[in-house]
Amino acid sequence: MSEHDMDAVVGRATEKVNLLEEALSGLQSIKARASSESDQVTAEVDGNGNLTGLWMDDSISTLDARTLAALITSTTHEAARLATEQRAQVMRALQDAFSKV
């Protein structure tokens, strides 16, 4: 293998590593928030689907436990769905970039 060929291999490998690092950074920075229709509950989820924040308006004190539980669950589910969309976008961008390298 010539020096030119070796430089090309190293260049492609370096480019792929950079693409992977960029994707990892993108995945780590994902934060998705969703609020209930009534704005009584807001949930934040990271790129792994972990709940990272939950905010509730004082008006929740008038809700019964089942209603509040359903509101928290549905709002958190929506935030997780949004985070999943963001994660898929990062992965599609990585896949597209790899296909061009």
PDB file of N, CA and C in Angstrom:
ATOM      1  N   MET A   1       0.852  -1.172   0.000  1.00  0.00           N
ATOM      2  CA  MET A   1       0.000   0.000   0.000  1.00  0.00           C
ATOM      3  C   MET A   1       0.898   1.235   0.000  1.00  0.00           C
ATOM      4  N   SER A   2       0.612   2.153  -0.885  1.00  0.00           N
ATOM      5  CA  SER A   2       1.436   3.355  -0.998  1.00  0.00           C
ATOM      6  C   SER A   2       1.094   4.343   0.120  1.00  0.00           C
ATOM      7  N   GLU A   3       1.946   5.314   0.278  1.00  0.00           N
ATOM      8  CA  GLU A   3       1.732   6.336   1.309  1.00  0.00           C
ATOM      9  C   GLU A   3       0.447   7.126   1.014  1.00  0.00           C
ATOM     10  N   HIS A   4       0.199   7.378  -0.255  1.00  0.00           N
ATOM     11  CA  HIS A   4      -1.022   8.095  -0.655  1.00  0.00           C
ATOM     12  C   HIS A   4      -2.269   7.278  -0.280  1.00  0.00           C
ATOM     13  N   ASP A   5      -2.220   5.967  -0.548  1.00  0.00           N
ATOM     14  CA  ASP A   5      -3.351   5.099  -0.191  1.00  0.00           C
ATOM     15  C   ASP A   5      -3.561   5.074   1.316  1.00  0.00           C
ATOM     16  N   MET A   6      -2.467   5.005   2.051  1.00  0.00           N
ATOM     17  CA  MET A   6      -2.549   4.977   3.515  1.00  0.00           C
ATOM     18  C   MET A   6      -3.122   6.285   4.046  1.00  0.00           C
ATOM     19  N   ASP A   7      -2.711   7.403   3.462  1.00  0.00           N
ATOM     20  CA  ASP A   7      -3.258   8.702   3.871  1.00  0.00           C
ATOM     21  C   ASP A   7      -4.757   8.763   3.613  1.00  0.00           C
ATOM     22  N   ALA A   8      -5.207   8.208   2.494  1.00  0.00           N
ATOM     23  CA  ALA A   8      -6.629   8.204   2.157  1.00  0.00           C
ATOM     24  C   ALA A   8      -7.410   7.356   3.165  1.00  0.00           C
ATOM     25  N   VAL A   9      -6.864   6.195   3.543  1.00  0.00           N
ATOM     26  CA  VAL A   9      -7.524   5.322   4.523  1.00  0.00           C
ATOM     27  C   VAL A   9      -7.623   6.031   5.867  1.00  0.00           C
ATOM     28  N   VAL A  10      -6.540   6.651   6.288  1.00  0.00           N
ATOM     29  CA  VAL A  10      -6.532   7.364   7.566  1.00  0.00           C
ATOM     30  C   VAL A  10      -7.511   8.541   7.512  1.00  0.00           C
ATOM     31  N   GLY A  11      -7.558   9.228   6.401  1.00  0.00           N
ATOM     32  CA  GLY A  11      -8.485  10.351   6.249  1.00  0.00           C
ATOM     33  C   GLY A  11      -9.931   9.920   6.354  1.00  0.00           C
ATOM     34  N   ARG A  12     -10.283   8.817   5.696  1.00  0.00           N
ATOM     35  CA  ARG A  12     -11.662   8.305   5.767  1.00  0.00           C
ATOM     36  C   ARG A  12     -12.000   7.851   7.193  1.00  0.00           C
ATOM     37  N   ALA A  13     -11.054   7.187   7.839  1.00  0.00           N
ATOM     38  CA  ALA A  13     -11.291   6.726   9.206  1.00  0.00           C
ATOM     39  C   ALA A  13     -11.477   7.913  10.153  1.00  0.00           C
ATOM     40  N   THR A  14     -10.676   8.929   9.979  1.00  0.00           N
ATOM     41  CA  THR A  14     -10.790  10.128  10.815  1.00  0.00           C
ATOM     42  C   THR A  14     -12.131  10.810  10.589  1.00  0.00           C
ATOM     43  N   GLU A  15     -12.563  10.880   9.353  1.00  0.00           N
ATOM     44  CA  GLU A  15     -13.850  11.490   9.030  1.00  0.00           C
ATOM     45  C   GLU A  15     -14.996  10.719   9.683  1.00  0.00           C
ATOM     46  N   LYS A  16     -14.913   9.387   9.657  1.00  0.00           N
ATOM     47  CA  LYS A  16     -15.959   8.566  10.281  1.00  0.00           C
ATOM     48  C   LYS A  16     -15.975   8.734  11.795  1.00  0.00           C
ATOM     49  N   VAL A  17     -14.803   8.816  12.398  1.00  0.00           N
ATOM     50  CA  VAL A  17     -14.734   9.038  13.847  1.00  0.00           C
ATOM     51  C   VAL A  17     -15.369  10.381  14.189  1.00  0.00           C
ATOM     52  N   ASN A  18     -15.064  11.395  13.393  1.00  0.00           N
ATOM     53  CA  ASN A  18     -15.653  12.717  13.623  1.00  0.00           C
ATOM     54  C   ASN A  18     -17.176  12.677  13.501  1.00  0.00           C
ATOM     55  N   LEU A  19     -17.686  11.942  12.514  1.00  0.00           N
ATOM     56  CA  LEU A  19     -19.131  11.801  12.345  1.00  0.00           C
ATOM     57  C   LEU A  19     -19.760  11.109  13.550  1.00  0.00           C
ATOM     58  N   LEU A  20     -19.098  10.070  14.049  1.00  0.00           N
ATOM     59  CA  LEU A  20     -19.605   9.358  15.221  1.00  0.00           C
ATOM     60  C   LEU A  20     -19.609  10.252  16.460  1.00  0.00           C
ATOM     61  N   GLU A  21     -18.547  11.030  16.639  1.00  0.00           N
ATOM     62  CA  GLU A  21     -18.484  11.932  17.786  1.00  0.00           C
ATOM     63  C   GLU A  21     -19.568  13.003  17.706  1.00  0.00           C
ATOM     64  N   GLU A  22     -19.819  13.505  16.515  1.00  0.00           N
ATOM     65  CA  GLU A  22     -20.869  14.496  16.311  1.00  0.00           C
ATOM     66  C   GLU A  22     -22.239  13.902  16.637  1.00  0.00           C
ATOM     67  N   ALA A  23     -22.474  12.681  16.193  1.00  0.00           N
ATOM     68  CA  ALA A  23     -23.754  12.017  16.475  1.00  0.00           C
ATOM     69  C   ALA A  23     -23.907  11.764  17.966  1.00  0.00           C
ATOM     70  N   LEU A  24     -22.854  11.323  18.625  1.00  0.00           N
ATOM     71  CA  LEU A  24     -22.911  11.077  20.062  1.00  0.00           C
ATOM     72  C   LEU A  24     -23.231  12.368  20.808  1.00  0.00           C
ATOM     73  N   SER A  25     -22.595  13.440  20.415  1.00  0.00           N
ATOM     74  CA  SER A  25     -22.877  14.737  21.024  1.00  0.00           C
ATOM     75  C   SER A  25     -24.339  15.128  20.802  1.00  0.00           C
ATOM     76  N   GLY A  26     -24.827  14.901  19.591  1.00  0.00           N
ATOM     77  CA  GLY A  26     -26.222  15.199  19.285  1.00  0.00           C
ATOM     78  C   GLY A  26     -27.177  14.384  20.125  1.00  0.00           C
ATOM     79  N   LEU A  27     -26.875  13.112  20.315  1.00  0.00           N
ATOM     80  CA  LEU A  27     -27.737  12.249  21.126  1.00  0.00           C
ATOM     81  C   LEU A  27     -27.725  12.678  22.585  1.00  0.00           C
ATOM     82  N   GLN A  28     -26.556  13.064  23.075  1.00  0.00           N
ATOM     83  CA  GLN A  28     -26.441  13.465  24.478  1.00  0.00           C
ATOM     84  C   GLN A  28     -27.121  14.799  24.765  1.00  0.00           C
ATOM     85  N   SER A  29     -27.300  15.606  23.748  1.00  0.00           N
ATOM     86  CA  SER A  29     -27.890  16.926  23.964  1.00  0.00           C
ATOM     87  C   SER A  29     -29.408  16.943  23.790  1.00  0.00           C
ATOM     88  N   ILE A  30     -29.997  15.807  23.479  1.00  0.00           N
ATOM     89  CA  ILE A  30     -31.453  15.769  23.265  1.00  0.00           C
ATOM     90  C   ILE A  30     -32.186  16.026  24.573  1.00  0.00           C
ATOM     91  N   LYS A  31     -33.078  16.980  24.513  1.00  0.00           N
ATOM     92  CA  LYS A  31     -34.020  17.277  25.601  1.00  0.00           C
ATOM     93  C   LYS A  31     -35.336  17.626  24.920  1.00  0.00           C
ATOM     94  N   ALA A  32     -36.365  16.923  25.251  1.00  0.00           N
ATOM     95  CA  ALA A  32     -37.677  17.197  24.661  1.00  0.00           C
ATOM     96  C   ALA A  32     -38.653  17.530  25.773  1.00  0.00           C
ATOM     97  N   ARG A  33     -39.422  18.586  25.552  1.00  0.00           N
ATOM     98  CA  ARG A  33     -40.439  18.995  26.525  1.00  0.00           C
ATOM     99  C   ARG A  33     -41.818  18.934  25.896  1.00  0.00           C
ATOM    100  N   ALA A  34     -42.761  18.557  26.720  1.00  0.00           N
ATOM    101  CA  ALA A  34     -44.168  18.561  26.303  1.00  0.00           C
ATOM    102  C   ALA A  34     -44.993  19.099  27.465  1.00  0.00           C
ATOM    103  N   SER A  35     -46.034  19.805  27.117  1.00  0.00           N
ATOM    104  CA  SER A  35     -46.961  20.315  28.130  1.00  0.00           C
ATOM    105  C   SER A  35     -48.340  19.758  27.846  1.00  0.00           C
ATOM    106  N   SER A  36     -49.090  19.557  28.907  1.00  0.00           N
ATOM    107  CA  SER A  36     -50.469  19.112  28.745  1.00  0.00           C
ATOM    108  C   SER A  36     -51.270  20.228  28.080  1.00  0.00           C
ATOM    109  N   GLU A  37     -52.407  19.882  27.505  1.00  0.00           N
ATOM    110  CA  GLU A  37     -53.248  20.883  26.833  1.00  0.00           C
ATOM    111  C   GLU A  37     -53.621  22.022  27.774  1.00  0.00           C
ATOM    112  N   SER A  38     -53.783  21.689  29.025  1.00  0.00           N
ATOM    113  CA  SER A  38     -54.178  22.690  30.019  1.00  0.00           C
ATOM    114  C   SER A  38     -52.977  23.445  30.593  1.00  0.00           C
ATOM    115  N   ASP A  39     -51.778  23.046  30.191  1.00  0.00           N
ATOM    116  CA  ASP A  39     -50.523  23.608  30.718  1.00  0.00           C
ATOM    117  C   ASP A  39     -50.351  23.378  32.219  1.00  0.00           C
ATOM    118  N   GLN A  40     -51.072  22.405  32.751  1.00  0.00           N
ATOM    119  CA  GLN A  40     -50.939  22.102  34.172  1.00  0.00           C
ATOM    120  C   GLN A  40     -49.709  21.250  34.455  1.00  0.00           C
ATOM    121  N   VAL A  41     -49.263  20.491  33.458  1.00  0.00           N
ATOM    122  CA  VAL A  41     -48.115  19.602  33.622  1.00  0.00           C
ATOM    123  C   VAL A  41     -47.178  19.784  32.436  1.00  0.00           C
ATOM    124  N   THR A  42     -45.882  19.885  32.735  1.00  0.00           N
ATOM    125  CA  THR A  42     -44.839  19.914  31.712  1.00  0.00           C
ATOM    126  C   THR A  42     -43.811  18.855  32.080  1.00  0.00           C
ATOM    127  N   ALA A  43     -43.416  18.062  31.094  1.00  0.00           N
ATOM    128  CA  ALA A  43     -42.428  17.004  31.312  1.00  0.00           C
ATOM    129  C   ALA A  43     -41.275  17.201  30.348  1.00  0.00           C
ATOM    130  N   GLU A  44     -40.079  16.867  30.826  1.00  0.00           N
ATOM    131  CA  GLU A  44     -38.869  16.919  30.002  1.00  0.00           C
ATOM    132  C   GLU A  44     -38.212  15.546  30.034  1.00  0.00           C
ATOM    133  N   VAL A  45     -37.799  15.094  28.845  1.00  0.00           N
ATOM    134  CA  VAL A  45     -37.221  13.766  28.695  1.00  0.00           C
ATOM    135  C   VAL A  45     -35.920  13.896  27.910  1.00  0.00           C
ATOM    136  N   ASP A  46     -34.913  13.086  28.264  1.00  0.00           N
ATOM    137  CA  ASP A  46     -33.652  13.104  27.512  1.00  0.00           C
ATOM    138  C   ASP A  46     -33.706  12.119  26.346  1.00  0.00           C
ATOM    139  N   GLY A  47     -32.619  12.022  25.619  1.00  0.00           N
ATOM    140  CA  GLY A  47     -32.555  11.177  24.431  1.00  0.00           C
ATOM    141  C   GLY A  47     -32.685   9.694  24.699  1.00  0.00           C
ATOM    142  N   ASN A  48     -32.534   9.293  25.943  1.00  0.00           N
ATOM    143  CA  ASN A  48     -32.708   7.884  26.310  1.00  0.00           C
ATOM    144  C   ASN A  48     -34.105   7.597  26.839  1.00  0.00           C
ATOM    145  N   GLY A  49     -34.946   8.624  26.848  1.00  0.00           N
ATOM    146  CA  GLY A  49     -36.304   8.444  27.348  1.00  0.00           C
ATOM    147  C   GLY A  49     -36.434   8.608  28.847  1.00  0.00           C
ATOM    148  N   ASN A  50     -35.361   9.064  29.499  1.00  0.00           N
ATOM    149  CA  ASN A  50     -35.405   9.265  30.950  1.00  0.00           C
ATOM    150  C   ASN A  50     -36.065  10.597  31.277  1.00  0.00           C
ATOM    151  N   LEU A  51     -36.943  10.589  32.234  1.00  0.00           N
ATOM    152  CA  LEU A  51     -37.588  11.807  32.691  1.00  0.00           C
ATOM    153  C   LEU A  51     -36.540  12.658  33.412  1.00  0.00           C
ATOM    154  N   THR A  52     -36.325  13.876  32.932  1.00  0.00           N
ATOM    155  CA  THR A  52     -35.316  14.759  33.535  1.00  0.00           C
ATOM    156  C   THR A  52     -35.935  15.963  34.224  1.00  0.00           C
ATOM    157  N   GLY A  53     -37.225  16.174  34.011  1.00  0.00           N
ATOM    158  CA  GLY A  53     -37.896  17.286  34.667  1.00  0.00           C
ATOM    159  C   GLY A  53     -39.399  17.103  34.615  1.00  0.00           C
ATOM    160  N   LEU A  54     -40.057  17.534  35.681  1.00  0.00           N
ATOM    161  CA  LEU A  54     -41.512  17.460  35.744  1.00  0.00           C
ATOM    162  C   LEU A  54     -41.992  18.673  36.529  1.00  0.00           C
ATOM    163  N   TRP A  55     -42.803  19.502  35.860  1.00  0.00           N
ATOM    164  CA  TRP A  55     -43.314  20.715  36.482  1.00  0.00           C
ATOM    165  C   TRP A  55     -44.826  20.650  36.499  1.00  0.00           C
ATOM    166  N   MET A  56     -45.394  21.054  37.632  1.00  0.00           N
ATOM    167  CA  MET A  56     -46.851  21.035  37.768  1.00  0.00           C
ATOM    168  C   MET A  56     -47.328  22.377  38.291  1.00  0.00           C
ATOM    169  N   ASP A  57     -48.371  22.864  37.682  1.00  0.00           N
ATOM    170  CA  ASP A  57     -48.989  24.114  38.078  1.00  0.00           C
ATOM    171  C   ASP A  57     -49.755  23.909  39.390  1.00  0.00           C
ATOM    172  N   ASP A  58     -49.884  24.962  40.159  1.00  0.00           N
ATOM    173  CA  ASP A  58     -50.614  24.872  41.431  1.00  0.00           C
ATOM    174  C   ASP A  58     -52.051  24.406  41.250  1.00  0.00           C
ATOM    175  N   SER A  59     -52.594  24.637  40.065  1.00  0.00           N
ATOM    176  CA  SER A  59     -53.997  24.267  39.826  1.00  0.00           C
ATOM    177  C   SER A  59     -54.227  22.753  39.851  1.00  0.00           C
ATOM    178  N   ILE A  60     -53.173  21.951  39.865  1.00  0.00           N
ATOM    179  CA  ILE A  60     -53.366  20.492  39.917  1.00  0.00           C
ATOM    180  C   ILE A  60     -53.992  20.057  41.235  1.00  0.00           C
ATOM    181  N   SER A  61     -53.932  20.925  42.230  1.00  0.00           N
ATOM    182  CA  SER A  61     -54.498  20.556  43.541  1.00  0.00           C
ATOM    183  C   SER A  61     -56.001  20.310  43.476  1.00  0.00           C
ATOM    184  N   THR A  62     -56.627  20.778  42.412  1.00  0.00           N
ATOM    185  CA  THR A  62     -58.081  20.557  42.263  1.00  0.00           C
ATOM    186  C   THR A  62     -58.395  19.253  41.531  1.00  0.00           C
ATOM    187  N   LEU A  63     -57.368  18.573  41.027  1.00  0.00           N
ATOM    188  CA  LEU A  63     -57.582  17.329  40.279  1.00  0.00           C
ATOM    189  C   LEU A  63     -57.575  16.136  41.212  1.00  0.00           C
ATOM    190  N   ASP A  64     -58.381  15.128  40.865  1.00  0.00           N
ATOM    191  CA  ASP A  64     -58.311  13.886  41.644  1.00  0.00           C
ATOM    192  C   ASP A  64     -57.062  13.107  41.208  1.00  0.00           C
ATOM    193  N   ALA A  65     -56.651  12.160  41.991  1.00  0.00           N
ATOM    194  CA  ALA A  65     -55.395  11.434  41.773  1.00  0.00           C
ATOM    195  C   ALA A  65     -55.346  10.723  40.422  1.00  0.00           C
ATOM    196  N   ARG A  66     -56.436  10.102  40.013  1.00  0.00           N
ATOM    197  CA  ARG A  66     -56.459   9.383  38.731  1.00  0.00           C
ATOM    198  C   ARG A  66     -56.296  10.340  37.561  1.00  0.00           C
ATOM    199  N   THR A  67     -56.964  11.465  37.624  1.00  0.00           N
ATOM    200  CA  THR A  67     -56.860  12.455  36.553  1.00  0.00           C
ATOM    201  C   THR A  67     -55.435  12.999  36.483  1.00  0.00           C
ATOM    202  N   LEU A  68     -54.869  13.311  37.635  1.00  0.00           N
ATOM    203  CA  LEU A  68     -53.498  13.823  37.681  1.00  0.00           C
ATOM    204  C   LEU A  68     -52.516  12.781  37.154  1.00  0.00           C
ATOM    205  N   ALA A  69     -52.696  11.536  37.571  1.00  0.00           N
ATOM    206  CA  ALA A  69     -51.802  10.469  37.100  1.00  0.00           C
ATOM    207  C   ALA A  69     -51.876  10.322  35.589  1.00  0.00           C
ATOM    208  N   ALA A  70     -53.080  10.371  35.054  1.00  0.00           N
ATOM    209  CA  ALA A  70     -53.247  10.254  33.601  1.00  0.00           C
ATOM    210  C   ALA A  70     -52.619  11.442  32.883  1.00  0.00           C
ATOM    211  N   LEU A  71     -52.745  12.617  33.458  1.00  0.00           N
ATOM    212  CA  LEU A  71     -52.174  13.826  32.868  1.00  0.00           C
ATOM    213  C   LEU A  71     -50.650  13.766  32.861  1.00  0.00           C
ATOM    214  N   ILE A  72     -50.073  13.332  33.960  1.00  0.00           N
ATOM    215  CA  ILE A  72     -48.612  13.197  34.042  1.00  0.00           C
ATOM    216  C   ILE A  72     -48.132  12.142  33.055  1.00  0.00           C
ATOM    217  N   THR A  73     -48.814  11.009  33.019  1.00  0.00           N
ATOM    218  CA  THR A  73     -48.419   9.918  32.135  1.00  0.00           C
ATOM    219  C   THR A  73     -48.491  10.319  30.668  1.00  0.00           C
ATOM    220  N   SER A  74     -49.589  10.935  30.269  1.00  0.00           N
ATOM    221  CA  SER A  74     -49.741  11.298  28.857  1.00  0.00           C
ATOM    222  C   SER A  74     -48.754  12.397  28.459  1.00  0.00           C
ATOM    223  N   THR A  75     -48.492  13.326  29.342  1.00  0.00           N
ATOM    224  CA  THR A  75     -47.547  14.409  29.036  1.00  0.00           C
ATOM    225  C   THR A  75     -46.133  13.860  28.941  1.00  0.00           C
ATOM    226  N   THR A  76     -45.766  12.983  29.849  1.00  0.00           N
ATOM    227  CA  THR A  76     -44.440  12.366  29.808  1.00  0.00           C
ATOM    228  C   THR A  76     -44.285  11.504  28.561  1.00  0.00           C
ATOM    229  N   HIS A  77     -45.336  10.800  28.194  1.00  0.00           N
ATOM    230  CA  HIS A  77     -45.308   9.977  26.986  1.00  0.00           C
ATOM    231  C   HIS A  77     -45.072  10.843  25.747  1.00  0.00           C
ATOM    232  N   GLU A  78     -45.724  11.987  25.686  1.00  0.00           N
ATOM    233  CA  GLU A  78     -45.538  12.890  24.546  1.00  0.00           C
ATOM    234  C   GLU A  78     -44.104  13.427  24.491  1.00  0.00           C
ATOM    235  N   ALA A  79     -43.544  13.772  25.631  1.00  0.00           N
ATOM    236  CA  ALA A  79     -42.153  14.237  25.661  1.00  0.00           C
ATOM    237  C   ALA A  79     -41.220  13.125  25.185  1.00  0.00           C
ATOM    238  N   ALA A  80     -41.475  11.900  25.600  1.00  0.00           N
ATOM    239  CA  ALA A  80     -40.647  10.766  25.160  1.00  0.00           C
ATOM    240  C   ALA A  80     -40.789  10.542  23.658  1.00  0.00           C
ATOM    241  N   ARG A  81     -41.982  10.717  23.127  1.00  0.00           N
ATOM    242  CA  ARG A  81     -42.190  10.583  21.686  1.00  0.00           C
ATOM    243  C   ARG A  81     -41.386  11.638  20.924  1.00  0.00           C
ATOM    244  N   LEU A  82     -41.399  12.860  21.418  1.00  0.00           N
ATOM    245  CA  LEU A  82     -40.632  13.931  20.780  1.00  0.00           C
ATOM    246  C   LEU A  82     -39.126  13.655  20.847  1.00  0.00           C
ATOM    247  N   ALA A  83     -38.663  13.139  21.981  1.00  0.00           N
ATOM    248  CA  ALA A  83     -37.241  12.799  22.120  1.00  0.00           C
ATOM    249  C   ALA A  83     -36.866  11.677  21.158  1.00  0.00           C
ATOM    250  N   THR A  84     -37.756  10.718  20.976  1.00  0.00           N
ATOM    251  CA  THR A  84     -37.512   9.623  20.043  1.00  0.00           C
ATOM    252  C   THR A  84     -37.398  10.148  18.619  1.00  0.00           C
ATOM    253  N   GLU A  85     -38.230  11.121  18.266  1.00  0.00           N
ATOM    254  CA  GLU A  85     -38.142  11.735  16.938  1.00  0.00           C
ATOM    255  C   GLU A  85     -36.790  12.421  16.747  1.00  0.00           C
ATOM    256  N   GLN A  86     -36.363  13.149  17.771  1.00  0.00           N
ATOM    257  CA  GLN A  86     -35.065  13.828  17.686  1.00  0.00           C
ATOM    258  C   GLN A  86     -33.929  12.817  17.545  1.00  0.00           C
ATOM    259  N   ARG A  87     -34.016  11.750  18.310  1.00  0.00           N
ATOM    260  CA  ARG A  87     -32.990  10.696  18.252  1.00  0.00           C
ATOM    261  C   ARG A  87     -32.947  10.079  16.852  1.00  0.00           C
ATOM    262  N   ALA A  88     -34.110   9.839  16.276  1.00  0.00           N
ATOM    263  CA  ALA A  88     -34.174   9.260  14.932  1.00  0.00           C
ATOM    264  C   ALA A  88     -33.568  10.213  13.903  1.00  0.00           C
ATOM    265  N   GLN A  89     -33.784  11.515  14.067  1.00  0.00           N
ATOM    266  CA  GLN A  89     -33.198  12.498  13.151  1.00  0.00           C
ATOM    267  C   GLN A  89     -31.676  12.465  13.214  1.00  0.00           C
ATOM    268  N   VAL A  90     -31.134  12.379  14.423  1.00  0.00           N
ATOM    269  CA  VAL A  90     -29.674  12.313  14.580  1.00  0.00           C
ATOM    270  C   VAL A  90     -29.139  11.046  13.916  1.00  0.00           C
ATOM    271  N   MET A  91     -29.819   9.935  14.114  1.00  0.00           N
ATOM    272  CA  MET A  91     -29.353   8.670  13.542  1.00  0.00           C
ATOM    273  C   MET A  91     -29.477   8.672  12.018  1.00  0.00           C
ATOM    274  N   ARG A  92     -30.553   9.265  11.489  1.00  0.00           N
ATOM    275  CA  ARG A  92     -30.680   9.371  10.026  1.00  0.00           C
ATOM    276  C   ARG A  92     -29.567  10.237   9.447  1.00  0.00           C
ATOM    277  N   ALA A  93     -29.251  11.331  10.117  1.00  0.00           N
ATOM    278  CA  ALA A  93     -28.173  12.206   9.648  1.00  0.00           C
ATOM    279  C   ALA A  93     -26.843  11.464   9.658  1.00  0.00           C
ATOM    280  N   LEU A  94     -26.613  10.663  10.678  1.00  0.00           N
ATOM    281  CA  LEU A  94     -25.381   9.872  10.747  1.00  0.00           C
ATOM    282  C   LEU A  94     -25.342   8.853   9.620  1.00  0.00           C
ATOM    283  N   GLN A  95     -26.441   8.171   9.412  1.00  0.00           N
ATOM    284  CA  GLN A  95     -26.504   7.168   8.347  1.00  0.00           C
ATOM    285  C   GLN A  95     -26.277   7.818   6.982  1.00  0.00           C
ATOM    286  N   ASP A  96     -26.910   8.964   6.751  1.00  0.00           N
ATOM    287  CA  ASP A  96     -26.715   9.683   5.481  1.00  0.00           C
ATOM    288  C   ASP A  96     -25.256  10.110   5.312  1.00  0.00           C
ATOM    289  N   ALA A  97     -24.655  10.616   6.367  1.00  0.00           N
ATOM    290  CA  ALA A  97     -23.268  11.058   6.295  1.00  0.00           C
ATOM    291  C   ALA A  97     -22.334   9.879   6.023  1.00  0.00           C
ATOM    292  N   PHE A  98     -22.602   8.741   6.655  1.00  0.00           N
ATOM    293  CA  PHE A  98     -21.756   7.563   6.448  1.00  0.00           C
ATOM    294  C   PHE A  98     -21.867   7.051   5.010  1.00  0.00           C
ATOM    295  N   SER A  99     -23.037   7.183   4.419  1.00  0.00           N
ATOM    296  CA  SER A  99     -23.206   6.697   3.064  1.00  0.00           C
ATOM    297  C   SER A  99     -22.451   7.554   2.053  1.00  0.00           C
ATOM    298  N   LYS A 100     -22.103   8.787   2.456  1.00  0.00           N
ATOM    299  CA  LYS A 100     -21.371   9.692   1.569  1.00  0.00           C
ATOM    300  C   LYS A 100     -19.854   9.593   1.758  1.00  0.00           C
ATOM    301  N   VAL A 101     -19.425   8.988   2.853  1.00  0.00           N
ATOM    302  CA  VAL A 101     -17.986   8.902   3.145  1.00  0.00           C
ATOM    303  C   VAL A 101     -17.370   7.732   2.413  1.00  0.00           C
TER     304      VAL A 101
END
